[in-house]
Amino acid sequence: MRLFLTDRSRNRFDAADRRLAISKICDWYGKDFAGGHQGFDSFKGTFRRYAEQLASTVEGQAILVAGDYRIEFLDYDWGLNDVTRKDGRP
């Protein structure tokens, strides 16, 4: 989870806008990311625990811990599904 949340291509926190843009995967598998409960409050509880991975500044981490931000989901890159395997099969 820490490695996944540290990946800025999948999860981005903008402290100035108080906006956390997270992977669409979190939307699709919300219960897995929100401690078994769906909803933004549950997401925020999960992301509070990982504030250090999501925000690079102490100020940003404080915003995440306080839950004073909005959540958006990034578009999923469906091109990943088109990658050909080493054996040439799709």
PDB file of N, CA and C in Angstrom:
ATOM      1  N   MET A   1       0.823  -1.180   0.000  1.00  0.00           N
ATOM      2  CA  MET A   1       0.000   0.000   0.000  1.00  0.00           C
ATOM      3  C   MET A   1       0.879   1.259   0.000  1.00  0.00           C
ATOM      4  N   ARG A   2       1.910   1.251   0.816  1.00  0.00           N
ATOM      5  CA  ARG A   2       2.806   2.416   0.858  1.00  0.00           C
ATOM      6  C   ARG A   2       3.445   2.676  -0.512  1.00  0.00           C
ATOM      7  N   LEU A   3       3.921   1.638  -1.144  1.00  0.00           N
ATOM      8  CA  LEU A   3       4.553   1.772  -2.461  1.00  0.00           C
ATOM      9  C   LEU A   3       3.545   2.293  -3.485  1.00  0.00           C
ATOM     10  N   PHE A   4       2.350   1.741  -3.481  1.00  0.00           N
ATOM     11  CA  PHE A   4       1.305   2.164  -4.408  1.00  0.00           C
ATOM     12  C   PHE A   4       0.957   3.639  -4.205  1.00  0.00           C
ATOM     13  N   LEU A   5       0.782   4.075  -2.960  1.00  0.00           N
ATOM     14  CA  LEU A   5       0.399   5.456  -2.694  1.00  0.00           C
ATOM     15  C   LEU A   5       1.528   6.445  -2.951  1.00  0.00           C
ATOM     16  N   THR A   6       2.752   5.980  -2.940  1.00  0.00           N
ATOM     17  CA  THR A   6       3.896   6.839  -3.231  1.00  0.00           C
ATOM     18  C   THR A   6       4.035   7.101  -4.729  1.00  0.00           C
ATOM     19  N   ASP A   7       3.420   6.288  -5.551  1.00  0.00           N
ATOM     20  CA  ASP A   7       3.514   6.404  -7.007  1.00  0.00           C
ATOM     21  C   ASP A   7       2.702   7.610  -7.483  1.00  0.00           C
ATOM     22  N   ARG A   8       3.379   8.686  -7.850  1.00  0.00           N
ATOM     23  CA  ARG A   8       2.717   9.931  -8.259  1.00  0.00           C
ATOM     24  C   ARG A   8       2.022   9.818  -9.620  1.00  0.00           C
ATOM     25  N   SER A   9       2.278   8.771 -10.371  1.00  0.00           N
ATOM     26  CA  SER A   9       1.538   8.590 -11.618  1.00  0.00           C
ATOM     27  C   SER A   9       0.137   8.039 -11.341  1.00  0.00           C
ATOM     28  N   ARG A  10      -0.067   7.518 -10.146  1.00  0.00           N
ATOM     29  CA  ARG A  10      -1.363   6.940  -9.776  1.00  0.00           C
ATOM     30  C   ARG A  10      -2.086   7.708  -8.679  1.00  0.00           C
ATOM     31  N   ASN A  11      -1.362   8.499  -7.907  1.00  0.00           N
ATOM     32  CA  ASN A  11      -1.943   9.215  -6.777  1.00  0.00           C
ATOM     33  C   ASN A  11      -1.207  10.541  -6.597  1.00  0.00           C
ATOM     34  N   ARG A  12      -1.959  11.639  -6.575  1.00  0.00           N
ATOM     35  CA  ARG A  12      -1.331  12.961  -6.466  1.00  0.00           C
ATOM     36  C   ARG A  12      -2.090  13.816  -5.467  1.00  0.00           C
ATOM     37  N   PHE A  13      -1.357  14.420  -4.551  1.00  0.00           N
ATOM     38  CA  PHE A  13      -1.964  15.332  -3.592  1.00  0.00           C
ATOM     39  C   PHE A  13      -1.484  16.745  -3.861  1.00  0.00           C
ATOM     40  N   ASP A  14      -2.419  17.666  -3.984  1.00  0.00           N
ATOM     41  CA  ASP A  14      -2.112  19.074  -4.186  1.00  0.00           C
ATOM     42  C   ASP A  14      -2.578  19.818  -2.938  1.00  0.00           C
ATOM     43  N   ALA A  15      -1.631  20.164  -2.069  1.00  0.00           N
ATOM     44  CA  ALA A  15      -1.966  20.821  -0.801  1.00  0.00           C
ATOM     45  C   ALA A  15      -2.586  22.191  -1.037  1.00  0.00           C
ATOM     46  N   ALA A  16      -2.114  22.931  -2.044  1.00  0.00           N
ATOM     47  CA  ALA A  16      -2.643  24.268  -2.310  1.00  0.00           C
ATOM     48  C   ALA A  16      -4.129  24.219  -2.671  1.00  0.00           C
ATOM     49  N   ASP A  17      -4.521  23.218  -3.462  1.00  0.00           N
ATOM     50  CA  ASP A  17      -5.928  23.052  -3.853  1.00  0.00           C
ATOM     51  C   ASP A  17      -6.701  22.150  -2.894  1.00  0.00           C
ATOM     52  N   ARG A  18      -5.981  21.565  -1.944  1.00  0.00           N
ATOM     53  CA  ARG A  18      -6.595  20.602  -1.001  1.00  0.00           C
ATOM     54  C   ARG A  18      -7.357  19.526  -1.771  1.00  0.00           C
ATOM     55  N   ARG A  19      -6.621  18.911  -2.697  1.00  0.00           N
ATOM     56  CA  ARG A  19      -7.211  17.911  -3.580  1.00  0.00           C
ATOM     57  C   ARG A  19      -6.307  16.692  -3.657  1.00  0.00           C
ATOM     58  N   LEU A  20      -6.890  15.523  -3.445  1.00  0.00           N
ATOM     59  CA  LEU A  20      -6.177  14.261  -3.603  1.00  0.00           C
ATOM     60  C   LEU A  20      -6.770  13.557  -4.812  1.00  0.00           C
ATOM     61  N   ALA A  21      -5.966  13.401  -5.843  1.00  0.00           N
ATOM     62  CA  ALA A  21      -6.384  12.682  -7.053  1.00  0.00           C
ATOM     63  C   ALA A  21      -5.780  11.294  -6.950  1.00  0.00           C
ATOM     64  N   ILE A  22      -6.643  10.299  -6.861  1.00  0.00           N
ATOM     65  CA  ILE A  22      -6.177   8.929  -6.652  1.00  0.00           C
ATOM     66  C   ILE A  22      -6.588   8.038  -7.821  1.00  0.00           C
ATOM     67  N   SER A  23      -5.947   6.903  -7.883  1.00  0.00           N
ATOM     68  CA  SER A  23      -6.190   5.938  -8.942  1.00  0.00           C
ATOM     69  C   SER A  23      -7.659   5.528  -8.996  1.00  0.00           C
ATOM     70  N   LYS A  24      -8.159   5.366 -10.203  1.00  0.00           N
ATOM     71  CA  LYS A  24      -9.524   4.879 -10.411  1.00  0.00           C
ATOM     72  C   LYS A  24      -9.709   3.496  -9.784  1.00  0.00           C
ATOM     73  N   ILE A  25      -8.633   2.783  -9.624  1.00  0.00           N
ATOM     74  CA  ILE A  25      -8.693   1.466  -8.982  1.00  0.00           C
ATOM     75  C   ILE A  25      -9.275   1.584  -7.571  1.00  0.00           C
ATOM     76  N   CYS A  26      -8.971   2.675  -6.897  1.00  0.00           N
ATOM     77  CA  CYS A  26      -9.517   2.893  -5.546  1.00  0.00           C
ATOM     78  C   CYS A  26     -11.033   3.041  -5.582  1.00  0.00           C
ATOM     79  N   ASP A  27     -11.546   3.605  -6.657  1.00  0.00           N
ATOM     80  CA  ASP A  27     -12.992   3.739  -6.820  1.00  0.00           C
ATOM     81  C   ASP A  27     -13.616   2.368  -7.068  1.00  0.00           C
ATOM     82  N   TRP A  28     -13.021   1.618  -7.969  1.00  0.00           N
ATOM     83  CA  TRP A  28     -13.560   0.306  -8.312  1.00  0.00           C
ATOM     84  C   TRP A  28     -13.491  -0.690  -7.156  1.00  0.00           C
ATOM     85  N   TYR A  29     -12.425  -0.639  -6.398  1.00  0.00           N
ATOM     86  CA  TYR A  29     -12.221  -1.573  -5.286  1.00  0.00           C
ATOM     87  C   TYR A  29     -12.234  -0.817  -3.961  1.00  0.00           C
ATOM     88  N   GLY A  30     -13.196   0.075  -3.827  1.00  0.00           N
ATOM     89  CA  GLY A  30     -13.284   0.961  -2.670  1.00  0.00           C
ATOM     90  C   GLY A  30     -13.218   0.260  -1.330  1.00  0.00           C
ATOM     91  N   LYS A  31     -13.901  -0.863  -1.194  1.00  0.00           N
ATOM     92  CA  LYS A  31     -13.897  -1.555   0.099  1.00  0.00           C
ATOM     93  C   LYS A  31     -12.502  -2.028   0.494  1.00  0.00           C
ATOM     94  N   ASP A  32     -11.688  -2.373  -0.481  1.00  0.00           N
ATOM     95  CA  ASP A  32     -10.328  -2.815  -0.188  1.00  0.00           C
ATOM     96  C   ASP A  32      -9.460  -1.671   0.312  1.00  0.00           C
ATOM     97  N   PHE A  33      -9.722  -0.468  -0.191  1.00  0.00           N
ATOM     98  CA  PHE A  33      -8.918   0.690   0.169  1.00  0.00           C
ATOM     99  C   PHE A  33      -9.500   1.471   1.334  1.00  0.00           C
ATOM    100  N   ALA A  34     -10.760   1.273   1.625  1.00  0.00           N
ATOM    101  CA  ALA A  34     -11.422   2.057   2.664  1.00  0.00           C
ATOM    102  C   ALA A  34     -11.728   1.211   3.895  1.00  0.00           C
ATOM    103  N   GLY A  35     -10.913   0.222   4.146  1.00  0.00           N
ATOM    104  CA  GLY A  35     -11.079  -0.572   5.356  1.00  0.00           C
ATOM    105  C   GLY A  35     -12.373  -1.364   5.409  1.00  0.00           C
ATOM    106  N   GLY A  36     -12.883  -1.787   4.245  1.00  0.00           N
ATOM    107  CA  GLY A  36     -14.098  -2.591   4.218  1.00  0.00           C
ATOM    108  C   GLY A  36     -15.367  -1.769   4.131  1.00  0.00           C
ATOM    109  N   HIS A  37     -15.253  -0.447   4.122  1.00  0.00           N
ATOM    110  CA  HIS A  37     -16.412   0.435   4.037  1.00  0.00           C
ATOM    111  C   HIS A  37     -16.247   1.348   2.835  1.00  0.00           C
ATOM    112  N   GLN A  38     -17.340   1.640   2.164  1.00  0.00           N
ATOM    113  CA  GLN A  38     -17.267   2.559   1.035  1.00  0.00           C
ATOM    114  C   GLN A  38     -17.621   3.959   1.498  1.00  0.00           C
ATOM    115  N   GLY A  39     -17.177   4.949   0.741  1.00  0.00           N
ATOM    116  CA  GLY A  39     -17.477   6.330   1.062  1.00  0.00           C
ATOM    117  C   GLY A  39     -16.208   7.124   1.297  1.00  0.00           C
ATOM    118  N   PHE A  40     -16.304   8.427   1.066  1.00  0.00           N
ATOM    119  CA  PHE A  40     -15.120   9.270   1.179  1.00  0.00           C
ATOM    120  C   PHE A  40     -14.601   9.346   2.610  1.00  0.00           C
ATOM    121  N   ASP A  41     -15.478   9.309   3.612  1.00  0.00           N
ATOM    122  CA  ASP A  41     -15.002   9.357   4.990  1.00  0.00           C
ATOM    123  C   ASP A  41     -14.111   8.169   5.302  1.00  0.00           C
ATOM    124  N   SER A  42     -14.479   7.005   4.778  1.00  0.00           N
ATOM    125  CA  SER A  42     -13.657   5.808   5.005  1.00  0.00           C
ATOM    126  C   SER A  42     -12.343   5.899   4.241  1.00  0.00           C
ATOM    127  N   PHE A  43     -12.390   6.436   3.027  1.00  0.00           N
ATOM    128  CA  PHE A  43     -11.152   6.655   2.283  1.00  0.00           C
ATOM    129  C   PHE A  43     -10.238   7.587   3.071  1.00  0.00           C
ATOM    130  N   LYS A  44     -10.796   8.652   3.581  1.00  0.00           N
ATOM    131  CA  LYS A  44      -9.987   9.628   4.312  1.00  0.00           C
ATOM    132  C   LYS A  44      -9.359   9.000   5.552  1.00  0.00           C
ATOM    133  N   GLY A  45     -10.055   8.103   6.198  1.00  0.00           N
ATOM    134  CA  GLY A  45      -9.478   7.399   7.332  1.00  0.00           C
ATOM    135  C   GLY A  45      -8.280   6.560   6.917  1.00  0.00           C
ATOM    136  N   THR A  46      -8.391   5.920   5.771  1.00  0.00           N
ATOM    137  CA  THR A  46      -7.278   5.128   5.247  1.00  0.00           C
ATOM    138  C   THR A  46      -6.122   6.023   4.853  1.00  0.00           C
ATOM    139  N   PHE A  47      -6.416   7.087   4.118  1.00  0.00           N
ATOM    140  CA  PHE A  47      -5.351   7.967   3.640  1.00  0.00           C
ATOM    141  C   PHE A  47      -4.704   8.752   4.767  1.00  0.00           C
ATOM    142  N   ARG A  48      -5.411   8.951   5.856  1.00  0.00           N
ATOM    143  CA  ARG A  48      -4.824   9.600   7.038  1.00  0.00           C
ATOM    144  C   ARG A  48      -3.609   8.797   7.513  1.00  0.00           C
ATOM    145  N   ARG A  49      -3.739   7.490   7.490  1.00  0.00           N
ATOM    146  CA  ARG A  49      -2.641   6.621   7.957  1.00  0.00           C
ATOM    147  C   ARG A  49      -1.430   6.675   7.028  1.00  0.00           C
ATOM    148  N   TYR A  50      -1.648   7.064   5.780  1.00  0.00           N
ATOM    149  CA  TYR A  50      -0.575   7.084   4.789  1.00  0.00           C
ATOM    150  C   TYR A  50      -0.230   8.510   4.340  1.00  0.00           C
ATOM    151  N   ALA A  51      -0.448   9.478   5.191  1.00  0.00           N
ATOM    152  CA  ALA A  51      -0.201  10.884   4.854  1.00  0.00           C
ATOM    153  C   ALA A  51       1.243  11.117   4.426  1.00  0.00           C
ATOM    154  N   GLU A  52       2.189  10.437   5.054  1.00  0.00           N
ATOM    155  CA  GLU A  52       3.602  10.628   4.699  1.00  0.00           C
ATOM    156  C   GLU A  52       3.903  10.151   3.282  1.00  0.00           C
ATOM    157  N   GLN A  53       3.206   9.143   2.809  1.00  0.00           N
ATOM    158  CA  GLN A  53       3.425   8.644   1.457  1.00  0.00           C
ATOM    159  C   GLN A  53       2.747   9.542   0.416  1.00  0.00           C
ATOM    160  N   LEU A  54       1.636  10.151   0.782  1.00  0.00           N
ATOM    161  CA  LEU A  54       0.850  10.931  -0.169  1.00  0.00           C
ATOM    162  C   LEU A  54       1.294  12.388  -0.293  1.00  0.00           C
ATOM    163  N   ALA A  55       1.808  12.954   0.784  1.00  0.00           N
ATOM    164  CA  ALA A  55       2.206  14.364   0.774  1.00  0.00           C
ATOM    165  C   ALA A  55       3.683  14.485   1.116  1.00  0.00           C
ATOM    166  N   SER A  56       4.367  15.357   0.386  1.00  0.00           N
ATOM    167  CA  SER A  56       5.812  15.497   0.588  1.00  0.00           C
ATOM    168  C   SER A  56       6.179  16.565   1.612  1.00  0.00           C
ATOM    169  N   THR A  57       5.188  17.332   2.093  1.00  0.00           N
ATOM    170  CA  THR A  57       5.477  18.367   3.085  1.00  0.00           C
ATOM    171  C   THR A  57       4.715  18.099   4.377  1.00  0.00           C
ATOM    172  N   VAL A  58       5.211  18.659   5.450  1.00  0.00           N
ATOM    173  CA  VAL A  58       4.542  18.521   6.746  1.00  0.00           C
ATOM    174  C   VAL A  58       3.163  19.179   6.688  1.00  0.00           C
ATOM    175  N   GLU A  59       3.071  20.304   5.999  1.00  0.00           N
ATOM    176  CA  GLU A  59       1.791  21.004   5.870  1.00  0.00           C
ATOM    177  C   GLU A  59       0.776  20.138   5.118  1.00  0.00           C
ATOM    178  N   GLY A  60       1.219  19.538   4.024  1.00  0.00           N
ATOM    179  CA  GLY A  60       0.343  18.656   3.262  1.00  0.00           C
ATOM    180  C   GLY A  60      -0.100  17.447   4.064  1.00  0.00           C
ATOM    181  N   GLN A  61       0.815  16.885   4.821  1.00  0.00           N
ATOM    182  CA  GLN A  61       0.475  15.740   5.666  1.00  0.00           C
ATOM    183  C   GLN A  61      -0.561  16.127   6.714  1.00  0.00           C
ATOM    184  N   ALA A  62      -0.446  17.340   7.267  1.00  0.00           N
ATOM    185  CA  ALA A  62      -1.412  17.813   8.258  1.00  0.00           C
ATOM    186  C   ALA A  62      -2.808  17.948   7.656  1.00  0.00           C
ATOM    187  N   ILE A  63      -2.878  18.403   6.416  1.00  0.00           N
ATOM    188  CA  ILE A  63      -4.163  18.520   5.725  1.00  0.00           C
ATOM    189  C   ILE A  63      -4.796  17.142   5.558  1.00  0.00           C
ATOM    190  N   LEU A  64      -3.979  16.167   5.167  1.00  0.00           N
ATOM    191  CA  LEU A  64      -4.490  14.801   5.002  1.00  0.00           C
ATOM    192  C   LEU A  64      -4.959  14.217   6.325  1.00  0.00           C
ATOM    193  N   VAL A  65      -4.199  14.429   7.370  1.00  0.00           N
ATOM    194  CA  VAL A  65      -4.566  13.903   8.684  1.00  0.00           C
ATOM    195  C   VAL A  65      -5.877  14.541   9.167  1.00  0.00           C
ATOM    196  N   ALA A  66      -6.038  15.833   8.904  1.00  0.00           N
ATOM    197  CA  ALA A  66      -7.256  16.537   9.315  1.00  0.00           C
ATOM    198  C   ALA A  66      -8.462  16.167   8.449  1.00  0.00           C
ATOM    199  N   GLY A  67      -8.209  15.617   7.258  1.00  0.00           N
ATOM    200  CA  GLY A  67      -9.302  15.251   6.358  1.00  0.00           C
ATOM    201  C   GLY A  67      -9.907  16.443   5.653  1.00  0.00           C
ATOM    202  N   ASP A  68      -9.168  17.540   5.589  1.00  0.00           N
ATOM    203  CA  ASP A  68      -9.665  18.787   5.006  1.00  0.00           C
ATOM    204  C   ASP A  68      -9.258  18.903   3.530  1.00  0.00           C
ATOM    205  N   TYR A  69      -9.778  18.009   2.704  1.00  0.00           N
ATOM    206  CA  TYR A  69      -9.461  17.977   1.278  1.00  0.00           C
ATOM    207  C   TYR A  69     -10.564  17.221   0.548  1.00  0.00           C
ATOM    208  N   ARG A  70     -10.549  17.328  -0.767  1.00  0.00           N
ATOM    209  CA  ARG A  70     -11.530  16.575  -1.559  1.00  0.00           C
ATOM    210  C   ARG A  70     -10.798  15.471  -2.340  1.00  0.00           C
ATOM    211  N   ILE A  71     -11.539  14.456  -2.672  1.00  0.00           N
ATOM    212  CA  ILE A  71     -10.991  13.308  -3.388  1.00  0.00           C
ATOM    213  C   ILE A  71     -11.544  13.287  -4.812  1.00  0.00           C
ATOM    214  N   GLU A  72     -10.650  13.059  -5.762  1.00  0.00           N
ATOM    215  CA  GLU A  72     -11.023  12.854  -7.158  1.00  0.00           C
ATOM    216  C   GLU A  72     -10.361  11.571  -7.630  1.00  0.00           C
ATOM    217  N   PHE A  73     -10.953  10.962  -8.640  1.00  0.00           N
ATOM    218  CA  PHE A  73     -10.377   9.747  -9.204  1.00  0.00           C
ATOM    219  C   PHE A  73      -9.764  10.061 -10.566  1.00  0.00           C
ATOM    220  N   LEU A  74      -8.538   9.638 -10.769  1.00  0.00           N
ATOM    221  CA  LEU A  74      -7.849   9.812 -12.043  1.00  0.00           C
ATOM    222  C   LEU A  74      -8.417   8.839 -13.072  1.00  0.00           C
ATOM    223  N   ASP A  75      -8.334   9.201 -14.338  1.00  0.00           N
ATOM    224  CA  ASP A  75      -8.740   8.285 -15.407  1.00  0.00           C
ATOM    225  C   ASP A  75      -7.798   7.092 -15.416  1.00  0.00           C
ATOM    226  N   TYR A  76      -8.350   5.937 -15.715  1.00  0.00           N
ATOM    227  CA  TYR A  76      -7.549   4.731 -15.793  1.00  0.00           C
ATOM    228  C   TYR A  76      -6.927   4.626 -17.189  1.00  0.00           C
ATOM    229  N   ASP A  77      -5.683   4.205 -17.265  1.00  0.00           N
ATOM    230  CA  ASP A  77      -4.984   4.034 -18.539  1.00  0.00           C
ATOM    231  C   ASP A  77      -5.279   2.629 -19.075  1.00  0.00           C
ATOM    232  N   TRP A  78      -6.281   2.540 -19.939  1.00  0.00           N
ATOM    233  CA  TRP A  78      -6.663   1.244 -20.499  1.00  0.00           C
ATOM    234  C   TRP A  78      -5.608   0.709 -21.460  1.00  0.00           C
ATOM    235  N   GLY A  79      -4.668   1.537 -21.872  1.00  0.00           N
ATOM    236  CA  GLY A  79      -3.595   1.092 -22.749  1.00  0.00           C
ATOM    237  C   GLY A  79      -2.746   0.015 -22.101  1.00  0.00           C
ATOM    238  N   LEU A  80      -2.758  -0.046 -20.798  1.00  0.00           N
ATOM    239  CA  LEU A  80      -2.005  -1.090 -20.101  1.00  0.00           C
ATOM    240  C   LEU A  80      -2.511  -2.480 -20.474  1.00  0.00           C
ATOM    241  N   ASN A  81      -3.782  -2.565 -20.833  1.00  0.00           N
ATOM    242  CA  ASN A  81      -4.359  -3.863 -21.210  1.00  0.00           C
ATOM    243  C   ASN A  81      -3.915  -4.311 -22.595  1.00  0.00           C
ATOM    244  N   ASP A  82      -3.367  -3.389 -23.395  1.00  0.00           N
ATOM    245  CA  ASP A  82      -2.953  -3.714 -24.750  1.00  0.00           C
ATOM    246  C   ASP A  82      -1.505  -4.175 -24.846  1.00  0.00           C
ATOM    247  N   VAL A  83      -0.831  -4.292 -23.740  1.00  0.00           N
ATOM    248  CA  VAL A  83       0.576  -4.697 -23.739  1.00  0.00           C
ATOM    249  C   VAL A  83       0.682  -6.147 -24.182  1.00  0.00           C
ATOM    250  N   THR A  84       1.574  -6.415 -25.114  1.00  0.00           N
ATOM    251  CA  THR A  84       1.791  -7.776 -25.593  1.00  0.00           C
ATOM    252  C   THR A  84       2.782  -8.490 -24.688  1.00  0.00           C
ATOM    253  N   ARG A  85       2.497  -9.710 -24.371  1.00  0.00           N
ATOM    254  CA  ARG A  85       3.390 -10.504 -23.529  1.00  0.00           C
ATOM    255  C   ARG A  85       4.638 -10.889 -24.304  1.00  0.00           C
ATOM    256  N   LYS A  86       5.651 -11.344 -23.583  1.00  0.00           N
ATOM    257  CA  LYS A  86       6.933 -11.732 -24.210  1.00  0.00           C
ATOM    258  C   LYS A  86       6.753 -12.876 -25.207  1.00  0.00           C
ATOM    259  N   ASP A  87       5.741 -13.705 -24.985  1.00  0.00           N
ATOM    260  CA  ASP A  87       5.554 -14.821 -25.912  1.00  0.00           C
ATOM    261  C   ASP A  87       4.731 -14.409 -27.138  1.00  0.00           C
ATOM    262  N   GLY A  88       4.408 -13.069 -27.272  1.00  0.00           N
ATOM    263  CA  GLY A  88       3.724 -12.563 -28.442  1.00  0.00           C
ATOM    264  C   GLY A  88       2.212 -12.624 -28.352  1.00  0.00           C
ATOM    265  N   ARG A  89       1.690 -13.254 -27.318  1.00  0.00           N
ATOM    266  CA  ARG A  89       0.243 -13.333 -27.168  1.00  0.00           C
ATOM    267  C   ARG A  89      -0.276 -12.071 -26.484  1.00  0.00           C
ATOM    268  N   PRO A  90      -1.511 -11.685 -26.799  1.00  0.00           N
ATOM    269  CA  PRO A  90      -2.103 -10.492 -26.133  1.00  0.00           C
ATOM    270  C   PRO A  90      -2.431 -10.775 -24.684  1.00  0.00           C
TER     271      PRO A  90
END
